[in-house]
């Protein structure tokens, strides 16, 4: 009987012991979320830079498709739009990327989209982060 009475009498501080456990759980989850933002945010930033780099390089590859007969006849730099598109798409394929290519006059614009899988944020239901980069190159005659 005395053992049962001891259980009925709460010791000071016992009522708050459950609150400490909840605080630790919430604090741990917050730390994991912050770690996910740092790690996955850094990976997303790297994917964004890679998308921009690939788009710019593909645009430069496309901007080299000069219409040679027109250049020889007139001295004007104009792009062969079909060849510029093909060259830019070929570069993207070789780089293992997909994207869109648009030729407008002497400019080639390429947009690349990269889907970056998350490492930690996938626990919170965020599976992929999509990053897009655009690059534009213009066909010009050099002064060299």
C-alpha atoms as a PDB file:
ATOM      1  CA  UNK A   1       0.000   0.000   0.000  1.00  0.00           C
ATOM      2  CA  UNK A   2       2.809   2.402   0.800  1.00  0.00           C
ATOM      3  CA  UNK A   3       4.312   1.684  -2.606  1.00  0.00           C
ATOM      4  CA  UNK A   4       1.070   2.766  -4.252  1.00  0.00           C
ATOM      5  CA  UNK A   5       0.936   5.965  -2.195  1.00  0.00           C
ATOM      6  CA  UNK A   6       4.469   6.780  -3.327  1.00  0.00           C
ATOM      7  CA  UNK A   7       3.327   6.640  -6.939  1.00  0.00           C
ATOM      8  CA  UNK A   8       0.462   9.007  -6.283  1.00  0.00           C
ATOM      9  CA  UNK A   9       2.679  11.680  -4.820  1.00  0.00           C
ATOM     10  CA  UNK A  10       4.554  13.367  -7.653  1.00  0.00           C
ATOM     11  CA  UNK A  11       7.994  14.675  -6.993  1.00  0.00           C
ATOM     12  CA  UNK A  12       8.697  18.307  -7.826  1.00  0.00           C
ATOM     13  CA  UNK A  13       9.893  18.682 -11.453  1.00  0.00           C
ATOM     14  CA  UNK A  14       8.312  15.448 -12.687  1.00  0.00           C
ATOM     15  CA  UNK A  15       5.509  17.320 -14.476  1.00  0.00           C
ATOM     16  CA  UNK A  16       8.004  19.135 -16.707  1.00  0.00           C
ATOM     17  CA  UNK A  17      10.141  16.134 -17.609  1.00  0.00           C
ATOM     18  CA  UNK A  18       7.891  15.362 -20.590  1.00  0.00           C
ATOM     19  CA  UNK A  19       8.321  18.914 -21.874  1.00  0.00           C
ATOM     20  CA  UNK A  20      12.087  18.459 -22.049  1.00  0.00           C
ATOM     21  CA  UNK A  21      11.632  15.416 -24.282  1.00  0.00           C
ATOM     22  CA  UNK A  22       9.296  17.318 -26.617  1.00  0.00           C
ATOM     23  CA  UNK A  23      11.755  20.218 -26.765  1.00  0.00           C
ATOM     24  CA  UNK A  24      14.623  17.892 -27.686  1.00  0.00           C
ATOM     25  CA  UNK A  25      12.567  16.241 -30.433  1.00  0.00           C
ATOM     26  CA  UNK A  26      11.474  19.570 -31.917  1.00  0.00           C
ATOM     27  CA  UNK A  27      14.989  21.009 -31.643  1.00  0.00           C
ATOM     28  CA  UNK A  28      16.472  17.927 -33.351  1.00  0.00           C
ATOM     29  CA  UNK A  29      13.944  18.161 -36.189  1.00  0.00           C
ATOM     30  CA  UNK A  30      14.725  21.862 -36.608  1.00  0.00           C
ATOM     31  CA  UNK A  31      18.439  21.099 -36.794  1.00  0.00           C
ATOM     32  CA  UNK A  32      17.837  18.406 -39.399  1.00  0.00           C
ATOM     33  CA  UNK A  33      15.734  20.830 -41.435  1.00  0.00           C
ATOM     34  CA  UNK A  34      18.458  23.467 -41.256  1.00  0.00           C
ATOM     35  CA  UNK A  35      21.070  20.894 -42.294  1.00  0.00           C
ATOM     36  CA  UNK A  36      18.820  19.950 -45.213  1.00  0.00           C
ATOM     37  CA  UNK A  37      18.500  23.560 -46.277  1.00  0.00           C
ATOM     38  CA  UNK A  38      22.266  24.017 -46.144  1.00  0.00           C
ATOM     39  CA  UNK A  39      23.208  20.785 -47.914  1.00  0.00           C
ATOM     40  CA  UNK A  40      20.380  20.615 -50.428  1.00  0.00           C
ATOM     41  CA  UNK A  41      20.473  24.384 -50.957  1.00  0.00           C
ATOM     42  CA  UNK A  42      24.167  24.133 -51.789  1.00  0.00           C
ATOM     43  CA  UNK A  43      23.512  21.276 -54.198  1.00  0.00           C
ATOM     44  CA  UNK A  44      20.711  23.289 -55.820  1.00  0.00           C
ATOM     45  CA  UNK A  45      23.022  26.285 -56.191  1.00  0.00           C
ATOM     46  CA  UNK A  46      25.670  24.078 -57.791  1.00  0.00           C
ATOM     47  CA  UNK A  47      23.025  22.676 -60.175  1.00  0.00           C
ATOM     48  CA  UNK A  48      21.978  26.232 -61.086  1.00  0.00           C
ATOM     49  CA  UNK A  49      25.579  27.172 -61.903  1.00  0.00           C
ATOM     50  CA  UNK A  50      25.980  23.984 -63.937  1.00  0.00           C
ATOM     51  CA  UNK A  51      22.767  24.697 -65.869  1.00  0.00           C
ATOM     52  CA  UNK A  52      23.960  28.223 -66.696  1.00  0.00           C
ATOM     53  CA  UNK A  53      27.419  26.959 -67.722  1.00  0.00           C
ATOM     54  CA  UNK A  54      25.960  24.276 -69.989  1.00  0.00           C
ATOM     55  CA  UNK A  55      23.463  26.708 -71.522  1.00  0.00           C
ATOM     56  CA  UNK A  56      26.166  29.286 -72.259  1.00  0.00           C
ATOM     57  CA  UNK A  57      28.506  26.702 -73.769  1.00  0.00           C
ATOM     58  CA  UNK A  58      25.729  25.275 -75.947  1.00  0.00           C
ATOM     59  CA  UNK A  59      24.775  28.781 -77.086  1.00  0.00           C
ATOM     60  CA  UNK A  60      28.400  29.475 -78.041  1.00  0.00           C
ATOM     61  CA  UNK A  61      28.514  26.200 -79.980  1.00  0.00           C
ATOM     62  CA  UNK A  62      25.379  27.212 -81.854  1.00  0.00           C
ATOM     63  CA  UNK A  63      26.603  30.755 -82.538  1.00  0.00           C
ATOM     64  CA  UNK A  64      29.512  29.347 -84.535  1.00  0.00           C
ATOM     65  CA  UNK A  65      27.178  28.053 -87.267  1.00  0.00           C
ATOM     66  CA  UNK A  66      27.781  30.959 -89.637  1.00  0.00           C
ATOM     67  CA  UNK A  67      26.160  30.883 -93.063  1.00  0.00           C
ATOM     68  CA  UNK A  68      29.422  30.724 -95.052  1.00  0.00           C
ATOM     69  CA  UNK A  69      28.010  31.396 -98.565  1.00  0.00           C
ATOM     70  CA  UNK A  70      26.283  34.574 -97.326  1.00  0.00           C
ATOM     71  CA  UNK A  71      29.435  35.684 -95.518  1.00  0.00           C
ATOM     72  CA  UNK A  72      31.581  35.155 -98.640  1.00  0.00           C
ATOM     73  CA  UNK A  73      29.117  36.991-100.859  1.00  0.00           C
ATOM     74  CA  UNK A  74      28.287  39.955 -98.616  1.00  0.00           C
ATOM     75  CA  UNK A  75      30.726  39.965 -95.698  1.00  0.00           C
ATOM     76  CA  UNK A  76      27.729  39.887 -93.337  1.00  0.00           C
ATOM     77  CA  UNK A  77      27.729  37.522 -90.379  1.00  0.00           C
ATOM     78  CA  UNK A  78      24.458  35.616 -90.368  1.00  0.00           C
ATOM     79  CA  UNK A  79      23.631  32.342 -88.719  1.00  0.00           C
ATOM     80  CA  UNK A  80      22.408  29.219 -90.400  1.00  0.00           C
ATOM     81  CA  UNK A  81      19.492  28.791 -87.983  1.00  0.00           C
ATOM     82  CA  UNK A  82      19.028  25.066 -88.609  1.00  0.00           C
ATOM     83  CA  UNK A  83      22.727  24.324 -88.176  1.00  0.00           C
ATOM     84  CA  UNK A  84      22.962  26.564 -85.089  1.00  0.00           C
ATOM     85  CA  UNK A  85      20.070  24.675 -83.497  1.00  0.00           C
ATOM     86  CA  UNK A  86      21.611  21.315 -84.399  1.00  0.00           C
ATOM     87  CA  UNK A  87      25.042  22.303 -83.033  1.00  0.00           C
ATOM     88  CA  UNK A  88      23.610  23.594 -79.748  1.00  0.00           C
ATOM     89  CA  UNK A  89      21.452  20.481 -79.295  1.00  0.00           C
ATOM     90  CA  UNK A  90      24.443  18.270 -80.130  1.00  0.00           C
ATOM     91  CA  UNK A  91      26.458  20.011 -77.413  1.00  0.00           C
ATOM     92  CA  UNK A  92      23.662  19.501 -74.884  1.00  0.00           C
ATOM     93  CA  UNK A  93      23.417  15.824 -75.778  1.00  0.00           C
ATOM     94  CA  UNK A  94      27.179  15.359 -75.388  1.00  0.00           C
ATOM     95  CA  UNK A  95      26.987  17.093 -71.974  1.00  0.00           C
ATOM     96  CA  UNK A  96      24.141  14.802 -70.916  1.00  0.00           C
ATOM     97  CA  UNK A  97      21.649  17.667 -70.625  1.00  0.00           C
ATOM     98  CA  UNK A  98      18.348  18.521 -72.232  1.00  0.00           C
ATOM     99  CA  UNK A  99      17.104  21.957 -73.048  1.00  0.00           C
ATOM    100  CA  UNK A 100      15.543  24.276 -75.566  1.00  0.00           C
ATOM    101  CA  UNK A 101      17.322  26.203 -78.303  1.00  0.00           C
ATOM    102  CA  UNK A 102      16.035  29.364 -79.979  1.00  0.00           C
ATOM    103  CA  UNK A 103      17.769  31.206 -82.819  1.00  0.00           C
ATOM    104  CA  UNK A 104      16.783  34.827 -83.360  1.00  0.00           C
ATOM    105  CA  UNK A 105      18.832  36.639 -85.982  1.00  0.00           C
ATOM    106  CA  UNK A 106      22.472  36.352 -84.919  1.00  0.00           C
ATOM    107  CA  UNK A 107      21.641  35.260 -81.373  1.00  0.00           C
ATOM    108  CA  UNK A 108      21.356  31.740 -80.032  1.00  0.00           C
ATOM    109  CA  UNK A 109      19.563  31.332 -76.704  1.00  0.00           C
ATOM    110  CA  UNK A 110      19.683  28.032 -74.851  1.00  0.00           C
ATOM    111  CA  UNK A 111      17.742  27.123 -71.712  1.00  0.00           C
ATOM    112  CA  UNK A 112      18.806  24.101 -69.657  1.00  0.00           C
ATOM    113  CA  UNK A 113      16.789  22.566 -66.825  1.00  0.00           C
ATOM    114  CA  UNK A 114      18.398  20.309 -64.221  1.00  0.00           C
ATOM    115  CA  UNK A 115      16.472  18.292 -61.657  1.00  0.00           C
ATOM    116  CA  UNK A 116      18.588  17.987 -58.500  1.00  0.00           C
ATOM    117  CA  UNK A 117      17.536  15.185 -56.130  1.00  0.00           C
ATOM    118  CA  UNK A 118      17.563  16.181 -52.471  1.00  0.00           C
ATOM    119  CA  UNK A 119      19.626  14.378 -49.853  1.00  0.00           C
ATOM    120  CA  UNK A 120      18.045  15.441 -46.549  1.00  0.00           C
ATOM    121  CA  UNK A 121      14.910  17.372 -47.527  1.00  0.00           C
ATOM    122  CA  UNK A 122      13.483  14.205 -49.092  1.00  0.00           C
ATOM    123  CA  UNK A 123      12.596  13.219 -45.512  1.00  0.00           C
ATOM    124  CA  UNK A 124      10.303  16.271 -45.440  1.00  0.00           C
ATOM    125  CA  UNK A 125       8.683  15.253 -48.742  1.00  0.00           C
ATOM    126  CA  UNK A 126      10.771  17.441 -51.072  1.00  0.00           C
ATOM    127  CA  UNK A 127      12.190  14.971 -53.587  1.00  0.00           C
ATOM    128  CA  UNK A 128      13.732  17.160 -56.290  1.00  0.00           C
ATOM    129  CA  UNK A 129      14.721  20.777 -56.788  1.00  0.00           C
ATOM    130  CA  UNK A 130      14.498  22.030 -60.366  1.00  0.00           C
ATOM    131  CA  UNK A 131      17.060  24.572 -61.515  1.00  0.00           C
ATOM    132  CA  UNK A 132      17.039  26.421 -64.833  1.00  0.00           C
ATOM    133  CA  UNK A 133      19.857  28.270 -66.549  1.00  0.00           C
ATOM    134  CA  UNK A 134      19.846  30.360 -69.716  1.00  0.00           C
ATOM    135  CA  UNK A 135      22.715  31.386 -71.939  1.00  0.00           C
ATOM    136  CA  UNK A 136      22.824  33.593 -75.020  1.00  0.00           C
ATOM    137  CA  UNK A 137      25.600  33.962 -77.567  1.00  0.00           C
ATOM    138  CA  UNK A 138      25.850  36.272 -80.568  1.00  0.00           C
ATOM    139  CA  UNK A 139      27.672  35.531 -83.788  1.00  0.00           C
ATOM    140  CA  UNK A 140      30.212  38.292 -84.339  1.00  0.00           C
ATOM    141  CA  UNK A 141      33.192  38.950 -86.491  1.00  0.00           C
ATOM    142  CA  UNK A 142      36.387  39.189 -84.491  1.00  0.00           C
ATOM    143  CA  UNK A 143      39.003  41.915 -84.868  1.00  0.00           C
ATOM    144  CA  UNK A 144      41.889  39.459 -85.011  1.00  0.00           C
END
